[in-house]
Amino acid sequence: MRLVQKHDHRLIFESADPSTIKKVPTDDIHQDFTGMMLNPKIILVDEPTEGLAPKIVTQIAELLVDVARSGTGILLIEQKLVVALDVSSCVFVMGHGKVVFTGSPVELRKSPDISCQWLAI
């Protein structure tokens, strides 16, 4: 996945598959994706969906999945569990400054005690 151009308040990304092009509206949060121009091995993405409309959240999640599939690692910090689980292959749950769970999204979904204690409001 690489940034092809920035135009008309949109970031346009292209993957190895030329038919896959993503257009994402830009604002201060989306500026973070301009780092993709460097084709990094890993990126840190800190709460990319914070305060965004549901439609934009979906676009960001799809973009993150595409980035991950392209081979770029993502260290994602995200409050929206559904987004985090859809994007992730490995999940770390932190509580009180310590890692309280490590596993796959499937394993986390099968751990109601972790969900109840650390992820529920």
PDB file of N, CA and C in Angstrom:
ATOM      1  N   MET A   1       0.853  -1.167   0.000  1.00  0.00           N
ATOM      2  CA  MET A   1       0.000   0.000   0.000  1.00  0.00           C
ATOM      3  C   MET A   1       0.894   1.223   0.000  1.00  0.00           C
ATOM      4  N   ARG A   2       0.631   2.139  -0.890  1.00  0.00           N
ATOM      5  CA  ARG A   2       1.415   3.366  -0.902  1.00  0.00           C
ATOM      6  C   ARG A   2       0.502   4.536  -1.227  1.00  0.00           C
ATOM      7  N   LEU A   3       0.891   5.707  -0.749  1.00  0.00           N
ATOM      8  CA  LEU A   3       0.134   6.908  -1.040  1.00  0.00           C
ATOM      9  C   LEU A   3       0.446   7.320  -2.465  1.00  0.00           C
ATOM     10  N   VAL A   4      -0.575   7.428  -3.289  1.00  0.00           N
ATOM     11  CA  VAL A   4      -0.379   7.799  -4.680  1.00  0.00           C
ATOM     12  C   VAL A   4      -0.392   9.314  -4.810  1.00  0.00           C
ATOM     13  N   GLN A   5      -1.371   9.957  -4.213  1.00  0.00           N
ATOM     14  CA  GLN A   5      -1.435  11.405  -4.296  1.00  0.00           C
ATOM     15  C   GLN A   5      -2.333  11.967  -3.206  1.00  0.00           C
ATOM     16  N   LYS A   6      -2.162  13.236  -2.958  1.00  0.00           N
ATOM     17  CA  LYS A   6      -3.019  13.964  -2.035  1.00  0.00           C
ATOM     18  C   LYS A   6      -3.705  15.029  -2.873  1.00  0.00           C
ATOM     19  N   HIS A   7      -5.027  14.937  -2.959  1.00  0.00           N
ATOM     20  CA  HIS A   7      -5.742  15.824  -3.866  1.00  0.00           C
ATOM     21  C   HIS A   7      -7.157  16.068  -3.349  1.00  0.00           C
ATOM     22  N   ASP A   8      -7.603  17.310  -3.431  1.00  0.00           N
ATOM     23  CA  ASP A   8      -8.979  17.660  -3.057  1.00  0.00           C
ATOM     24  C   ASP A   8      -9.381  17.102  -1.695  1.00  0.00           C
ATOM     25  N   HIS A   9      -8.557  17.314  -0.693  1.00  0.00           N
ATOM     26  CA  HIS A   9      -8.842  16.860   0.668  1.00  0.00           C
ATOM     27  C   HIS A   9      -9.008  15.354   0.763  1.00  0.00           C
ATOM     28  N   ARG A  10      -8.345  14.623  -0.098  1.00  0.00           N
ATOM     29  CA  ARG A  10      -8.396  13.167  -0.031  1.00  0.00           C
ATOM     30  C   ARG A  10      -6.984  12.613  -0.161  1.00  0.00           C
ATOM     31  N   LEU A  11      -6.739  11.548   0.564  1.00  0.00           N
ATOM     32  CA  LEU A  11      -5.517  10.781   0.385  1.00  0.00           C
ATOM     33  C   LEU A  11      -5.891   9.598  -0.498  1.00  0.00           C
ATOM     34  N   ILE A  12      -5.146   9.350  -1.544  1.00  0.00           N
ATOM     35  CA  ILE A  12      -5.454   8.255  -2.441  1.00  0.00           C
ATOM     36  C   ILE A  12      -4.351   7.222  -2.310  1.00  0.00           C
ATOM     37  N   PHE A  13      -4.721   6.013  -1.880  1.00  0.00           N
ATOM     38  CA  PHE A  13      -3.780   4.931  -1.668  1.00  0.00           C
ATOM     39  C   PHE A  13      -3.967   3.874  -2.747  1.00  0.00           C
ATOM     40  N   GLU A  14      -2.868   3.225  -3.098  1.00  0.00           N
ATOM     41  CA  GLU A  14      -2.918   2.167  -4.090  1.00  0.00           C
ATOM     42  C   GLU A  14      -2.137   0.984  -3.552  1.00  0.00           C
ATOM     43  N   SER A  15      -2.653  -0.185  -3.732  1.00  0.00           N
ATOM     44  CA  SER A  15      -1.957  -1.391  -3.274  1.00  0.00           C
ATOM     45  C   SER A  15      -1.243  -2.032  -4.457  1.00  0.00           C
ATOM     46  N   ALA A  16      -0.634  -3.174  -4.216  1.00  0.00           N
ATOM     47  CA  ALA A  16       0.042  -3.904  -5.289  1.00  0.00           C
ATOM     48  C   ALA A  16      -0.960  -4.290  -6.374  1.00  0.00           C
ATOM     49  N   ASP A  17      -2.203  -4.466  -5.974  1.00  0.00           N
ATOM     50  CA  ASP A  17      -3.269  -4.759  -6.930  1.00  0.00           C
ATOM     51  C   ASP A  17      -3.816  -3.431  -7.432  1.00  0.00           C
ATOM     52  N   PRO A  18      -3.544  -3.040  -8.690  1.00  0.00           N
ATOM     53  CA  PRO A  18      -3.947  -1.727  -9.205  1.00  0.00           C
ATOM     54  C   PRO A  18      -5.445  -1.467  -9.136  1.00  0.00           C
ATOM     55  N   SER A  19      -6.258  -2.532  -9.044  1.00  0.00           N
ATOM     56  CA  SER A  19      -7.701  -2.324  -8.986  1.00  0.00           C
ATOM     57  C   SER A  19      -8.148  -1.860  -7.598  1.00  0.00           C
ATOM     58  N   THR A  20      -7.246  -1.929  -6.620  1.00  0.00           N
ATOM     59  CA  THR A  20      -7.587  -1.556  -5.257  1.00  0.00           C
ATOM     60  C   THR A  20      -7.101  -0.142  -4.987  1.00  0.00           C
ATOM     61  N   ILE A  21      -7.998   0.789  -5.017  1.00  0.00           N
ATOM     62  CA  ILE A  21      -7.652   2.181  -4.721  1.00  0.00           C
ATOM     63  C   ILE A  21      -8.590   2.673  -3.637  1.00  0.00           C
ATOM     64  N   LYS A  22      -8.030   3.284  -2.604  1.00  0.00           N
ATOM     65  CA  LYS A  22      -8.832   3.807  -1.501  1.00  0.00           C
ATOM     66  C   LYS A  22      -8.700   5.320  -1.487  1.00  0.00           C
ATOM     67  N   LYS A  23      -9.808   5.993  -1.312  1.00  0.00           N
ATOM     68  CA  LYS A  23      -9.792   7.442  -1.147  1.00  0.00           C
ATOM     69  C   LYS A  23     -10.327   7.733   0.242  1.00  0.00           C
ATOM     70  N   VAL A  24      -9.559   8.466   1.030  1.00  0.00           N
ATOM     71  CA  VAL A  24      -9.932   8.752   2.408  1.00  0.00           C
ATOM     72  C   VAL A  24      -9.933  10.259   2.610  1.00  0.00           C
ATOM     73  N   PRO A  25     -11.033  10.848   3.117  1.00  0.00           N
ATOM     74  CA  PRO A  25     -11.035  12.280   3.399  1.00  0.00           C
ATOM     75  C   PRO A  25      -9.932  12.620   4.393  1.00  0.00           C
ATOM     76  N   THR A  26      -9.352  13.780   4.233  1.00  0.00           N
ATOM     77  CA  THR A  26      -8.255  14.161   5.113  1.00  0.00           C
ATOM     78  C   THR A  26      -8.687  15.222   6.113  1.00  0.00           C
ATOM     79  N   ASP A  27      -8.092  15.164   7.245  1.00  0.00           N
ATOM     80  CA  ASP A  27      -8.084  16.222   8.239  1.00  0.00           C
ATOM     81  C   ASP A  27      -6.850  15.938   9.071  1.00  0.00           C
ATOM     82  N   ASP A  28      -6.705  16.518  10.225  1.00  0.00           N
ATOM     83  CA  ASP A  28      -5.482  16.331  11.004  1.00  0.00           C
ATOM     84  C   ASP A  28      -5.202  14.866  11.316  1.00  0.00           C
ATOM     85  N   ILE A  29      -6.226  14.078  11.624  1.00  0.00           N
ATOM     86  CA  ILE A  29      -6.021  12.665  11.955  1.00  0.00           C
ATOM     87  C   ILE A  29      -5.499  11.901  10.740  1.00  0.00           C
ATOM     88  N   HIS A  30      -6.072  12.137   9.577  1.00  0.00           N
ATOM     89  CA  HIS A  30      -5.706  11.374   8.393  1.00  0.00           C
ATOM     90  C   HIS A  30      -4.344  11.757   7.830  1.00  0.00           C
ATOM     91  N   GLN A  31      -3.796  12.867   8.270  1.00  0.00           N
ATOM     92  CA  GLN A  31      -2.465  13.257   7.818  1.00  0.00           C
ATOM     93  C   GLN A  31      -1.443  12.187   8.186  1.00  0.00           C
ATOM     94  N   ASP A  32      -1.717  11.418   9.239  1.00  0.00           N
ATOM     95  CA  ASP A  32      -0.799  10.367   9.676  1.00  0.00           C
ATOM     96  C   ASP A  32      -0.493   9.371   8.557  1.00  0.00           C
ATOM     97  N   PHE A  33      -1.432   9.150   7.660  1.00  0.00           N
ATOM     98  CA  PHE A  33      -1.237   8.161   6.617  1.00  0.00           C
ATOM     99  C   PHE A  33      -0.276   8.630   5.527  1.00  0.00           C
ATOM    100  N   THR A  34       0.120   9.894   5.531  1.00  0.00           N
ATOM    101  CA  THR A  34       1.077  10.344   4.532  1.00  0.00           C
ATOM    102  C   THR A  34       2.421   9.658   4.708  1.00  0.00           C
ATOM    103  N   GLY A  35       2.693   9.116   5.889  1.00  0.00           N
ATOM    104  CA  GLY A  35       3.913   8.352   6.125  1.00  0.00           C
ATOM    105  C   GLY A  35       3.997   7.109   5.263  1.00  0.00           C
ATOM    106  N   MET A  36       2.883   6.687   4.689  1.00  0.00           N
ATOM    107  CA  MET A  36       2.877   5.508   3.826  1.00  0.00           C
ATOM    108  C   MET A  36       3.677   5.741   2.550  1.00  0.00           C
ATOM    109  N   MET A  37       3.957   6.994   2.225  1.00  0.00           N
ATOM    110  CA  MET A  37       4.755   7.283   1.033  1.00  0.00           C
ATOM    111  C   MET A  37       6.142   6.666   1.139  1.00  0.00           C
ATOM    112  N   LEU A  38       6.616   6.433   2.346  1.00  0.00           N
ATOM    113  CA  LEU A  38       7.948   5.889   2.563  1.00  0.00           C
ATOM    114  C   LEU A  38       7.972   4.366   2.535  1.00  0.00           C
ATOM    115  N   ASN A  39       6.816   3.741   2.329  1.00  0.00           N
ATOM    116  CA  ASN A  39       6.693   2.281   2.325  1.00  0.00           C
ATOM    117  C   ASN A  39       7.361   1.646   3.546  1.00  0.00           C
ATOM    118  N   PRO A  40       6.912   2.029   4.747  1.00  0.00           N
ATOM    119  CA  PRO A  40       7.536   1.510   5.972  1.00  0.00           C
ATOM    120  C   PRO A  40       7.213   0.035   6.199  1.00  0.00           C
ATOM    121  N   LYS A  41       8.027  -0.613   7.053  1.00  0.00           N
ATOM    122  CA  LYS A  41       7.772  -2.000   7.425  1.00  0.00           C
ATOM    123  C   LYS A  41       6.705  -2.080   8.509  1.00  0.00           C
ATOM    124  N   ILE A  42       6.614  -1.035   9.332  1.00  0.00           N
ATOM    125  CA  ILE A  42       5.624  -0.991  10.409  1.00  0.00           C
ATOM    126  C   ILE A  42       5.214   0.460  10.633  1.00  0.00           C
ATOM    127  N   ILE A  43       3.946   0.659  11.003  1.00  0.00           N
ATOM    128  CA  ILE A  43       3.468   1.994  11.333  1.00  0.00           C
ATOM    129  C   ILE A  43       2.754   1.960  12.684  1.00  0.00           C
ATOM    130  N   LEU A  44       2.805   3.057  13.386  1.00  0.00           N
ATOM    131  CA  LEU A  44       2.066   3.238  14.629  1.00  0.00           C
ATOM    132  C   LEU A  44       0.868   4.114  14.301  1.00  0.00           C
ATOM    133  N   VAL A  45      -0.327   3.613  14.620  1.00  0.00           N
ATOM    134  CA  VAL A  45      -1.555   4.358  14.351  1.00  0.00           C
ATOM    135  C   VAL A  45      -2.297   4.491  15.673  1.00  0.00           C
ATOM    136  N   ASP A  46      -2.396   5.727  16.163  1.00  0.00           N
ATOM    137  CA  ASP A  46      -2.975   5.998  17.475  1.00  0.00           C
ATOM    138  C   ASP A  46      -4.390   6.536  17.324  1.00  0.00           C
ATOM    139  N   GLU A  47      -5.361   5.708  17.650  1.00  0.00           N
ATOM    140  CA  GLU A  47      -6.788   6.039  17.633  1.00  0.00           C
ATOM    141  C   GLU A  47      -7.208   6.787  16.360  1.00  0.00           C
ATOM    142  N   PRO A  48      -7.065   6.132  15.207  1.00  0.00           N
ATOM    143  CA  PRO A  48      -7.390   6.796  13.950  1.00  0.00           C
ATOM    144  C   PRO A  48      -8.869   7.088  13.749  1.00  0.00           C
ATOM    145  N   THR A  49      -9.748   6.459  14.527  1.00  0.00           N
ATOM    146  CA  THR A  49     -11.185   6.642  14.330  1.00  0.00           C
ATOM    147  C   THR A  49     -11.820   7.582  15.355  1.00  0.00           C
ATOM    148  N   GLU A  50     -11.023   8.104  16.248  1.00  0.00           N
ATOM    149  CA  GLU A  50     -11.537   8.956  17.330  1.00  0.00           C
ATOM    150  C   GLU A  50     -12.326  10.142  16.782  1.00  0.00           C
ATOM    151  N   GLY A  51     -13.585  10.232  17.175  1.00  0.00           N
ATOM    152  CA  GLY A  51     -14.422  11.377  16.844  1.00  0.00           C
ATOM    153  C   GLY A  51     -14.916  11.433  15.408  1.00  0.00           C
ATOM    154  N   LEU A  52     -14.783  10.349  14.673  1.00  0.00           N
ATOM    155  CA  LEU A  52     -15.177  10.362  13.260  1.00  0.00           C
ATOM    156  C   LEU A  52     -16.566   9.771  13.061  1.00  0.00           C
ATOM    157  N   ALA A  53     -17.210  10.174  11.991  1.00  0.00           N
ATOM    158  CA  ALA A  53     -18.520   9.642  11.619  1.00  0.00           C
ATOM    159  C   ALA A  53     -18.386   8.153  11.281  1.00  0.00           C
ATOM    160  N   PRO A  54     -19.439   7.368  11.530  1.00  0.00           N
ATOM    161  CA  PRO A  54     -19.378   5.921  11.273  1.00  0.00           C
ATOM    162  C   PRO A  54     -18.916   5.564   9.853  1.00  0.00           C
ATOM    163  N   LYS A  55     -19.341   6.309   8.850  1.00  0.00           N
ATOM    164  CA  LYS A  55     -18.933   6.019   7.469  1.00  0.00           C
ATOM    165  C   LYS A  55     -17.420   6.153   7.309  1.00  0.00           C
ATOM    166  N   ILE A  56     -16.838   7.178   7.930  1.00  0.00           N
ATOM    167  CA  ILE A  56     -15.397   7.401   7.847  1.00  0.00           C
ATOM    168  C   ILE A  56     -14.659   6.335   8.654  1.00  0.00           C
ATOM    169  N   VAL A  57     -15.224   5.933   9.794  1.00  0.00           N
ATOM    170  CA  VAL A  57     -14.626   4.860  10.611  1.00  0.00           C
ATOM    171  C   VAL A  57     -14.497   3.599   9.766  1.00  0.00           C
ATOM    172  N   THR A  58     -15.541   3.275   9.014  1.00  0.00           N
ATOM    173  CA  THR A  58     -15.518   2.096   8.139  1.00  0.00           C
ATOM    174  C   THR A  58     -14.420   2.226   7.088  1.00  0.00           C
ATOM    175  N   GLN A  59     -14.286   3.403   6.495  1.00  0.00           N
ATOM    176  CA  GLN A  59     -13.248   3.615   5.482  1.00  0.00           C
ATOM    177  C   GLN A  59     -11.851   3.466   6.078  1.00  0.00           C
ATOM    178  N   ILE A  60     -11.659   4.004   7.273  1.00  0.00           N
ATOM    179  CA  ILE A  60     -10.352   3.904   7.932  1.00  0.00           C
ATOM    180  C   ILE A  60     -10.048   2.436   8.249  1.00  0.00           C
ATOM    181  N   ALA A  61     -11.039   1.708   8.755  1.00  0.00           N
ATOM    182  CA  ALA A  61     -10.840   0.290   9.069  1.00  0.00           C
ATOM    183  C   ALA A  61     -10.472  -0.495   7.809  1.00  0.00           C
ATOM    184  N   GLU A  62     -11.166  -0.227   6.710  1.00  0.00           N
ATOM    185  CA  GLU A  62     -10.860  -0.904   5.449  1.00  0.00           C
ATOM    186  C   GLU A  62      -9.450  -0.574   4.981  1.00  0.00           C
ATOM    187  N   LEU A  63      -9.067   0.671   5.123  1.00  0.00           N
ATOM    188  CA  LEU A  63      -7.722   1.086   4.735  1.00  0.00           C
ATOM    189  C   LEU A  63      -6.668   0.374   5.579  1.00  0.00           C
ATOM    190  N   LEU A  64      -6.894   0.277   6.880  1.00  0.00           N
ATOM    191  CA  LEU A  64      -5.944  -0.404   7.755  1.00  0.00           C
ATOM    192  C   LEU A  64      -5.816  -1.888   7.400  1.00  0.00           C
ATOM    193  N   VAL A  65      -6.934  -2.517   7.075  1.00  0.00           N
ATOM    194  CA  VAL A  65      -6.896  -3.922   6.659  1.00  0.00           C
ATOM    195  C   VAL A  65      -6.068  -4.062   5.382  1.00  0.00           C
ATOM    196  N   ASP A  66      -6.263  -3.162   4.427  1.00  0.00           N
ATOM    197  CA  ASP A  66      -5.495  -3.195   3.181  1.00  0.00           C
ATOM    198  C   ASP A  66      -4.004  -2.988   3.434  1.00  0.00           C
ATOM    199  N   VAL A  67      -3.685  -2.061   4.331  1.00  0.00           N
ATOM    200  CA  VAL A  67      -2.284  -1.806   4.671  1.00  0.00           C
ATOM    201  C   VAL A  67      -1.662  -3.060   5.270  1.00  0.00           C
ATOM    202  N   ALA A  68      -2.371  -3.693   6.188  1.00  0.00           N
ATOM    203  CA  ALA A  68      -1.864  -4.919   6.820  1.00  0.00           C
ATOM    204  C   ALA A  68      -1.678  -6.037   5.792  1.00  0.00           C
ATOM    205  N   ARG A  69      -2.638  -6.180   4.901  1.00  0.00           N
ATOM    206  CA  ARG A  69      -2.542  -7.228   3.865  1.00  0.00           C
ATOM    207  C   ARG A  69      -1.371  -6.986   2.913  1.00  0.00           C
ATOM    208  N   SER A  70      -0.988  -5.724   2.761  1.00  0.00           N
ATOM    209  CA  SER A  70       0.117  -5.401   1.854  1.00  0.00           C
ATOM    210  C   SER A  70       1.469  -5.767   2.458  1.00  0.00           C
ATOM    211  N   GLY A  71       1.458  -6.156   3.741  1.00  0.00           N
ATOM    212  CA  GLY A  71       2.701  -6.562   4.382  1.00  0.00           C
ATOM    213  C   GLY A  71       3.279  -5.549   5.351  1.00  0.00           C
ATOM    214  N   THR A  72       2.654  -4.393   5.479  1.00  0.00           N
ATOM    215  CA  THR A  72       3.101  -3.407   6.445  1.00  0.00           C
ATOM    216  C   THR A  72       2.505  -3.745   7.803  1.00  0.00           C
ATOM    217  N   GLY A  73       3.366  -3.861   8.811  1.00  0.00           N
ATOM    218  CA  GLY A  73       2.884  -4.123  10.159  1.00  0.00           C
ATOM    219  C   GLY A  73       2.232  -2.883  10.742  1.00  0.00           C
ATOM    220  N   ILE A  74       1.234  -3.078  11.569  1.00  0.00           N
ATOM    221  CA  ILE A  74       0.525  -1.953  12.188  1.00  0.00           C
ATOM    222  C   ILE A  74       0.484  -2.154  13.694  1.00  0.00           C
ATOM    223  N   LEU A  75       0.980  -1.181  14.422  1.00  0.00           N
ATOM    224  CA  LEU A  75       0.784  -1.135  15.865  1.00  0.00           C
ATOM    225  C   LEU A  75      -0.379  -0.176  16.062  1.00  0.00           C
ATOM    226  N   LEU A  76      -1.551  -0.717  16.357  1.00  0.00           N
ATOM    227  CA  LEU A  76      -2.791   0.055  16.420  1.00  0.00           C
ATOM    228  C   LEU A  76      -3.221   0.246  17.858  1.00  0.00           C
ATOM    229  N   ILE A  77      -3.409   1.491  18.245  1.00  0.00           N
ATOM    230  CA  ILE A  77      -4.000   1.823  19.531  1.00  0.00           C
ATOM    231  C   ILE A  77      -5.410   2.294  19.201  1.00  0.00           C
ATOM    232  N   GLU A  78      -6.416   1.573  19.681  1.00  0.00           N
ATOM    233  CA  GLU A  78      -7.790   1.872  19.267  1.00  0.00           C
ATOM    234  C   GLU A  78      -8.773   1.568  20.385  1.00  0.00           C
ATOM    235  N   GLN A  79      -9.710   2.482  20.612  1.00  0.00           N
ATOM    236  CA  GLN A  79     -10.754   2.302  21.617  1.00  0.00           C
ATOM    237  C   GLN A  79     -11.925   1.479  21.077  1.00  0.00           C
ATOM    238  N   LYS A  80     -12.172   1.572  19.775  1.00  0.00           N
ATOM    239  CA  LYS A  80     -13.289   0.836  19.184  1.00  0.00           C
ATOM    240  C   LYS A  80     -12.860  -0.612  18.966  1.00  0.00           C
ATOM    241  N   LEU A  81     -13.348  -1.487  19.822  1.00  0.00           N
ATOM    242  CA  LEU A  81     -12.930  -2.882  19.822  1.00  0.00           C
ATOM    243  C   LEU A  81     -13.228  -3.574  18.499  1.00  0.00           C
ATOM    244  N   VAL A  82     -14.370  -3.290  17.900  1.00  0.00           N
ATOM    245  CA  VAL A  82     -14.741  -3.935  16.638  1.00  0.00           C
ATOM    246  C   VAL A  82     -13.703  -3.619  15.564  1.00  0.00           C
ATOM    247  N   VAL A  83     -13.285  -2.369  15.476  1.00  0.00           N
ATOM    248  CA  VAL A  83     -12.270  -1.973  14.499  1.00  0.00           C
ATOM    249  C   VAL A  83     -10.955  -2.688  14.803  1.00  0.00           C
ATOM    250  N   ALA A  84     -10.547  -2.649  16.049  1.00  0.00           N
ATOM    251  CA  ALA A  84      -9.268  -3.260  16.439  1.00  0.00           C
ATOM    252  C   ALA A  84      -9.247  -4.755  16.125  1.00  0.00           C
ATOM    253  N   LEU A  85     -10.328  -5.446  16.417  1.00  0.00           N
ATOM    254  CA  LEU A  85     -10.374  -6.897  16.179  1.00  0.00           C
ATOM    255  C   LEU A  85     -10.422  -7.221  14.689  1.00  0.00           C
ATOM    256  N   ASP A  86     -11.075  -6.379  13.898  1.00  0.00           N
ATOM    257  CA  ASP A  86     -11.139  -6.613  12.451  1.00  0.00           C
ATOM    258  C   ASP A  86      -9.777  -6.429  11.787  1.00  0.00           C
ATOM    259  N   VAL A  87      -8.975  -5.523  12.307  1.00  0.00           N
ATOM    260  CA  VAL A  87      -7.691  -5.177  11.706  1.00  0.00           C
ATOM    261  C   VAL A  87      -6.564  -6.079  12.211  1.00  0.00           C
ATOM    262  N   SER A  88      -6.683  -6.574  13.424  1.00  0.00           N
ATOM    263  CA  SER A  88      -5.568  -7.215  14.111  1.00  0.00           C
ATOM    264  C   SER A  88      -5.421  -8.704  13.843  1.00  0.00           C
ATOM    265  N   SER A  89      -4.177  -9.159  13.944  1.00  0.00           N
ATOM    266  CA  SER A  89      -3.908 -10.593  13.962  1.00  0.00           C
ATOM    267  C   SER A  89      -3.457 -11.014  15.359  1.00  0.00           C
ATOM    268  N   CYS A  90      -3.004 -10.053  16.149  1.00  0.00           N
ATOM    269  CA  CYS A  90      -2.595 -10.286  17.535  1.00  0.00           C
ATOM    270  C   CYS A  90      -3.099  -9.117  18.377  1.00  0.00           C
ATOM    271  N   VAL A  91      -3.656  -9.419  19.534  1.00  0.00           N
ATOM    272  CA  VAL A  91      -4.269  -8.406  20.390  1.00  0.00           C
ATOM    273  C   VAL A  91      -3.589  -8.396  21.754  1.00  0.00           C
ATOM    274  N   PHE A  92      -3.318  -7.206  22.242  1.00  0.00           N
ATOM    275  CA  PHE A  92      -2.836  -7.015  23.609  1.00  0.00           C
ATOM    276  C   PHE A  92      -3.843  -6.128  24.313  1.00  0.00           C
ATOM    277  N   VAL A  93      -4.328  -6.561  25.475  1.00  0.00           N
ATOM    278  CA  VAL A  93      -5.227  -5.745  26.284  1.00  0.00           C
ATOM    279  C   VAL A  93      -4.433  -5.295  27.491  1.00  0.00           C
ATOM    280  N   MET A  94      -4.472  -3.991  27.739  1.00  0.00           N
ATOM    281  CA  MET A  94      -3.745  -3.446  28.885  1.00  0.00           C
ATOM    282  C   MET A  94      -4.729  -2.951  29.935  1.00  0.00           C
ATOM    283  N   GLY A  95      -4.348  -3.145  31.190  1.00  0.00           N
ATOM    284  CA  GLY A  95      -5.128  -2.646  32.312  1.00  0.00           C
ATOM    285  C   GLY A  95      -4.188  -2.244  33.428  1.00  0.00           C
ATOM    286  N   HIS A  96      -4.390  -1.062  33.947  1.00  0.00           N
ATOM    287  CA  HIS A  96      -3.552  -0.537  35.027  1.00  0.00           C
ATOM    288  C   HIS A  96      -2.066  -0.588  34.668  1.00  0.00           C
ATOM    289  N   GLY A  97      -1.755  -0.298  33.387  1.00  0.00           N
ATOM    290  CA  GLY A  97      -0.368  -0.220  32.951  1.00  0.00           C
ATOM    291  C   GLY A  97       0.313  -1.552  32.691  1.00  0.00           C
ATOM    292  N   LYS A  98      -0.448  -2.649  32.731  1.00  0.00           N
ATOM    293  CA  LYS A  98       0.125  -3.977  32.496  1.00  0.00           C
ATOM    294  C   LYS A  98      -0.655  -4.693  31.402  1.00  0.00           C
ATOM    295  N   VAL A  99       0.025  -5.575  30.686  1.00  0.00           N
ATOM    296  CA  VAL A  99      -0.654  -6.413  29.701  1.00  0.00           C
ATOM    297  C   VAL A  99      -1.407  -7.506  30.454  1.00  0.00           C
ATOM    298  N   VAL A 100      -2.736  -7.538  30.262  1.00  0.00           N
ATOM    299  CA  VAL A 100      -3.571  -8.512  30.961  1.00  0.00           C
ATOM    300  C   VAL A 100      -4.076  -9.616  30.040  1.00  0.00           C
ATOM    301  N   PHE A 101      -3.861  -9.448  28.741  1.00  0.00           N
ATOM    302  CA  PHE A 101      -4.257 -10.474  27.770  1.00  0.00           C
ATOM    303  C   PHE A 101      -3.394 -10.328  26.529  1.00  0.00           C
ATOM    304  N   THR A 102      -2.967 -11.457  25.984  1.00  0.00           N
ATOM    305  CA  THR A 102      -2.288 -11.508  24.693  1.00  0.00           C
ATOM    306  C   THR A 102      -2.863 -12.692  23.936  1.00  0.00           C
ATOM    307  N   GLY A 103      -3.257 -12.464  22.704  1.00  0.00           N
ATOM    308  CA  GLY A 103      -3.795 -13.558  21.905  1.00  0.00           C
ATOM    309  C   GLY A 103      -4.365 -13.056  20.601  1.00  0.00           C
ATOM    310  N   SER A 104      -5.036 -13.942  19.902  1.00  0.00           N
ATOM    311  CA  SER A 104      -5.658 -13.581  18.631  1.00  0.00           C
ATOM    312  C   SER A 104      -7.018 -12.932  18.888  1.00  0.00           C
ATOM    313  N   PRO A 105      -7.575 -12.247  17.885  1.00  0.00           N
ATOM    314  CA  PRO A 105      -8.929 -11.715  18.046  1.00  0.00           C
ATOM    315  C   PRO A 105      -9.945 -12.814  18.384  1.00  0.00           C
ATOM    316  N   VAL A 106      -9.783 -14.001  17.797  1.00  0.00           N
ATOM    317  CA  VAL A 106     -10.696 -15.124  18.089  1.00  0.00           C
ATOM    318  C   VAL A 106     -10.587 -15.509  19.561  1.00  0.00           C
ATOM    319  N   GLU A 107      -9.359 -15.599  20.064  1.00  0.00           N
ATOM    320  CA  GLU A 107      -9.162 -15.958  21.478  1.00  0.00           C
ATOM    321  C   GLU A 107      -9.769 -14.906  22.406  1.00  0.00           C
ATOM    322  N   LEU A 108      -9.643 -13.640  22.044  1.00  0.00           N
ATOM    323  CA  LEU A 108     -10.233 -12.582  22.875  1.00  0.00           C
ATOM    324  C   LEU A 108     -11.750 -12.685  22.877  1.00  0.00           C
ATOM    325  N   ARG A 109     -12.331 -12.947  21.724  1.00  0.00           N
ATOM    326  CA  ARG A 109     -13.790 -13.102  21.645  1.00  0.00           C
ATOM    327  C   ARG A 109     -14.274 -14.278  22.490  1.00  0.00           C
ATOM    328  N   LYS A 110     -13.411 -15.270  22.695  1.00  0.00           N
ATOM    329  CA  LYS A 110     -13.768 -16.454  23.497  1.00  0.00           C
ATOM    330  C   LYS A 110     -13.368 -16.300  24.960  1.00  0.00           C
ATOM    331  N   SER A 111     -12.991 -15.090  25.377  1.00  0.00           N
ATOM    332  CA  SER A 111     -12.569 -14.839  26.764  1.00  0.00           C
ATOM    333  C   SER A 111     -13.509 -13.827  27.417  1.00  0.00           C
ATOM    334  N   PRO A 112     -14.714 -14.276  27.802  1.00  0.00           N
ATOM    335  CA  PRO A 112     -15.673 -13.337  28.374  1.00  0.00           C
ATOM    336  C   PRO A 112     -15.178 -12.686  29.658  1.00  0.00           C
ATOM    337  N   ASP A 113     -14.330 -13.386  30.422  1.00  0.00           N
ATOM    338  CA  ASP A 113     -13.812 -12.798  31.654  1.00  0.00           C
ATOM    339  C   ASP A 113     -12.949 -11.570  31.360  1.00  0.00           C
ATOM    340  N   ILE A 114     -12.123 -11.638  30.326  1.00  0.00           N
ATOM    341  CA  ILE A 114     -11.285 -10.481  29.948  1.00  0.00           C
ATOM    342  C   ILE A 114     -12.187  -9.361  29.440  1.00  0.00           C
ATOM    343  N   SER A 115     -13.127  -9.710  28.584  1.00  0.00           N
ATOM    344  CA  SER A 115     -14.048  -8.702  28.042  1.00  0.00           C
ATOM    345  C   SER A 115     -14.820  -8.011  29.147  1.00  0.00           C
ATOM    346  N   CYS A 116     -15.343  -8.792  30.077  1.00  0.00           N
ATOM    347  CA  CYS A 116     -16.134  -8.225  31.178  1.00  0.00           C
ATOM    348  C   CYS A 116     -15.300  -7.322  32.079  1.00  0.00           C
ATOM    349  N   GLN A 117     -14.122  -7.805  32.447  1.00  0.00           N
ATOM    350  CA  GLN A 117     -13.293  -7.088  33.402  1.00  0.00           C
ATOM    351  C   GLN A 117     -12.600  -5.875  32.794  1.00  0.00           C
ATOM    352  N   TRP A 118     -12.123  -5.979  31.545  1.00  0.00           N
ATOM    353  CA  TRP A 118     -11.267  -4.929  30.992  1.00  0.00           C
ATOM    354  C   TRP A 118     -11.838  -4.148  29.836  1.00  0.00           C
ATOM    355  N   LEU A 119     -12.854  -4.683  29.163  1.00  0.00           N
ATOM    356  CA  LEU A 119     -13.322  -4.023  27.941  1.00  0.00           C
ATOM    357  C   LEU A 119     -14.748  -3.495  28.020  1.00  0.00           C
ATOM    358  N   ALA A 120     -15.491  -3.888  29.020  1.00  0.00           N
ATOM    359  CA  ALA A 120     -16.871  -3.422  29.166  1.00  0.00           C
ATOM    360  C   ALA A 120     -16.914  -2.116  29.929  1.00  0.00           C
ATOM    361  N   ILE A 121     -17.946  -1.358  29.646  1.00  0.00           N
ATOM    362  CA  ILE A 121     -18.128  -0.081  30.364  1.00  0.00           C
ATOM    363  C   ILE A 121     -19.032  -0.299  31.529  1.00  0.00           C
TER     364      ILE A 121
END
